[in-house]
Each structure stands twice: as structure tokens, then as C-alpha cells.
């Protein structure tokens, strides 16, 4: 399995920005050819999909983050990113990255994002 490590979370005021990173431990080919998905889970809530990007670069976003969040990937660095702008208190959650494909389904340990009013 590929190990994923997220970073970049923290405490930010409403309206601020954060950039999350997700680094895969190995296998550039596996990373580059599979989907990266960012999920989040707020206290007491179910985990939800935030954004995804395919190996070819096709992106998809939850309606709640469209126009504010941008997902990207740098396959040369085995790294995916989630740029989060205009953050709202309701964006507060643990954010997880996931590498998903026909033969892989790896999750990171999560990074906390807290947005204060």
C-alpha cells in the first residue's frame, strides 16, 4: 500500500486561506495514474467528499466549496494539494487525502483545519 501524509492544517480566521498537501510515500506510477480525493469530517458528521482530481487532471468539487477550493497535483513530487480560500467556520473539519484506483485505496491520517468566526 501507498502511505499518504497530509500537512498544512491549522487555525485560521474566517476569510483566510490554507493550503493542504498530501505526499505519497512511494511509487510515482501508482500515484500519477490514480485519483486523489480530499475528504473531510466535522465532529458528529459523516465524512464527505470535498474535491477530487483524476490522473489526467479532471477535477470535481462539492457544491459547498466550488469557487473557493482548488485541487491540484504534482506527479513529479508525488504530491497533491488543496488550496482553500475564503474559509468559513463550517469548513472546520479533519481533512483526509485518499489515493483511489482499481488496485489501490490508501488514506492519510488527516490534518485538522479550524476556522474561527
Protein backbone atom coordinates (compact mmCIF):
# COMPACT_ATOMS: atom_id res chain seq x y z
CA UNK A 1 0.00 0.00 0.00
CA UNK A 2 0.99 3.59 -0.57
CA UNK A 3 1.29 5.72 2.54
CA UNK A 4 -0.12 9.24 2.42
CA UNK A 5 0.83 12.08 4.74
CA UNK A 6 -1.18 15.29 4.94
CA UNK A 7 0.09 18.60 6.22
CA UNK A 8 -0.84 22.26 6.18
CA UNK A 9 -3.80 22.31 8.52
CA UNK A 10 -4.17 24.80 11.32
CA UNK A 11 -6.23 27.58 12.82
CA UNK A 12 -7.31 30.45 10.58
CA UNK A 13 -9.85 33.23 10.78
CA UNK A 14 -12.88 33.28 8.55
CA UNK A 15 -11.99 34.64 5.13
CA UNK A 16 -8.44 33.33 5.38
CA UNK A 17 -6.61 30.71 3.34
CA UNK A 18 -4.76 27.47 3.88
CA UNK A 19 -3.03 25.06 1.54
CA UNK A 20 -3.08 21.39 2.39
CA UNK A 21 -0.51 18.99 1.00
CA UNK A 22 -0.65 15.22 0.60
CA UNK A 23 2.58 13.37 -0.07
CA UNK A 24 2.68 9.74 -1.21
CA UNK A 25 5.46 7.60 0.16
CA UNK A 26 6.43 5.75 -2.97
CA UNK A 27 5.58 4.52 -6.43
CA UNK A 28 5.32 7.55 -8.66
CA UNK A 29 3.48 5.48 -11.27
CA UNK A 30 0.74 4.41 -8.86
CA UNK A 31 0.35 7.96 -7.60
CA UNK A 32 0.26 9.51 -11.06
CA UNK A 33 -2.28 7.14 -12.58
CA UNK A 34 -4.91 7.12 -9.85
CA UNK A 35 -7.42 9.56 -8.41
CA UNK A 36 -6.63 11.82 -5.49
CA UNK A 37 -9.62 12.70 -3.36
CA UNK A 38 -9.84 15.10 -0.43
CA UNK A 39 -12.48 14.24 2.16
CA UNK A 40 -13.37 15.98 5.38
CA UNK A 41 -15.16 15.05 8.55
CA UNK A 42 -16.55 17.51 11.04
CA UNK A 43 -17.37 16.47 14.64
CA UNK A 44 -20.58 14.48 14.72
CA UNK A 45 -20.86 14.46 10.94
CA UNK A 46 -20.26 11.88 8.25
CA UNK A 47 -17.14 12.03 6.15
CA UNK A 48 -17.81 13.91 2.93
CA UNK A 49 -16.04 14.34 -0.39
CA UNK A 50 -14.56 17.78 -0.87
CA UNK A 51 -12.70 17.56 -4.18
CA UNK A 52 -11.12 15.03 -6.50
CA UNK A 53 -8.63 15.01 -9.32
CA UNK A 54 -8.01 12.18 -11.75
CA UNK A 55 -4.65 11.06 -13.03
CA UNK A 56 -5.34 13.03 -16.19
CA UNK A 57 -6.23 16.16 -14.25
CA UNK A 58 -10.03 16.13 -14.36
CA UNK A 59 -11.39 17.83 -11.25
CA UNK A 60 -14.62 17.69 -9.33
CA UNK A 61 -15.80 19.69 -6.31
CA UNK A 62 -18.53 19.57 -3.72
CA UNK A 63 -21.02 22.38 -4.22
CA UNK A 64 -20.13 23.82 -0.82
CA UNK A 65 -16.53 24.54 -1.87
CA UNK A 66 -16.84 25.41 -5.56
CA UNK A 67 -15.15 28.68 -6.36
CA UNK A 68 -13.24 28.68 -3.06
CA UNK A 69 -11.14 25.49 -3.10
CA UNK A 70 -8.76 24.28 -5.80
CA UNK A 71 -7.35 20.78 -6.02
CA UNK A 72 -4.14 20.12 -7.91
CA UNK A 73 -1.37 17.57 -8.17
CA UNK A 74 2.31 17.45 -9.00
CA UNK A 75 3.08 13.92 -10.10
CA UNK A 76 6.82 14.64 -10.23
CA UNK A 77 6.69 15.19 -6.48
CA UNK A 78 4.08 12.54 -5.60
CA UNK A 79 2.13 15.40 -4.04
CA UNK A 80 -1.43 16.67 -4.18
CA UNK A 81 -2.68 19.98 -2.89
CA UNK A 82 -5.89 21.55 -1.72
CA UNK A 83 -5.84 25.35 -1.84
CA UNK A 84 -8.60 26.66 0.38
CA UNK A 85 -9.59 30.32 0.13
CA UNK A 86 -12.40 32.34 1.69
CA UNK A 87 -12.63 29.84 4.51
CA UNK A 88 -15.78 29.68 6.59
CA UNK A 89 -16.37 28.31 10.10
CA UNK A 90 -18.36 25.48 8.53
CA UNK A 91 -15.18 24.32 6.78
CA UNK A 92 -13.84 23.26 10.17
CA UNK A 93 -13.07 19.54 9.99
CA UNK A 94 -10.35 16.94 9.77
CA UNK A 95 -9.24 16.77 6.15
CA UNK A 96 -8.09 13.46 4.68
CA UNK A 97 -6.49 12.68 1.35
CA UNK A 98 -7.10 9.43 -0.39
CA UNK A 99 -5.48 7.68 -3.34
CA UNK A 100 -8.05 5.59 -5.12
CA UNK A 101 -7.89 3.31 -8.11
CA UNK A 102 -8.60 -0.23 -9.32
CA UNK A 103 -5.77 -1.66 -7.22
CA UNK A 104 -5.23 0.96 -4.55
CA UNK A 105 -7.24 2.61 -1.79
CA UNK A 106 -4.97 4.44 0.65
CA UNK A 107 -5.89 7.09 3.20
CA UNK A 108 -3.81 9.60 5.07
CA UNK A 109 -4.08 10.17 8.80
CA UNK A 110 -5.82 13.54 8.43
CA UNK A 111 -4.99 17.14 9.25
CA UNK A 112 -7.15 19.44 11.37
CA UNK A 113 -8.50 22.64 9.88
CA UNK A 114 -10.20 25.05 12.27
CA UNK A 115 -11.81 28.26 11.05
CA UNK A 116 -12.73 30.80 13.70
CA UNK A 117 -15.56 33.31 13.16
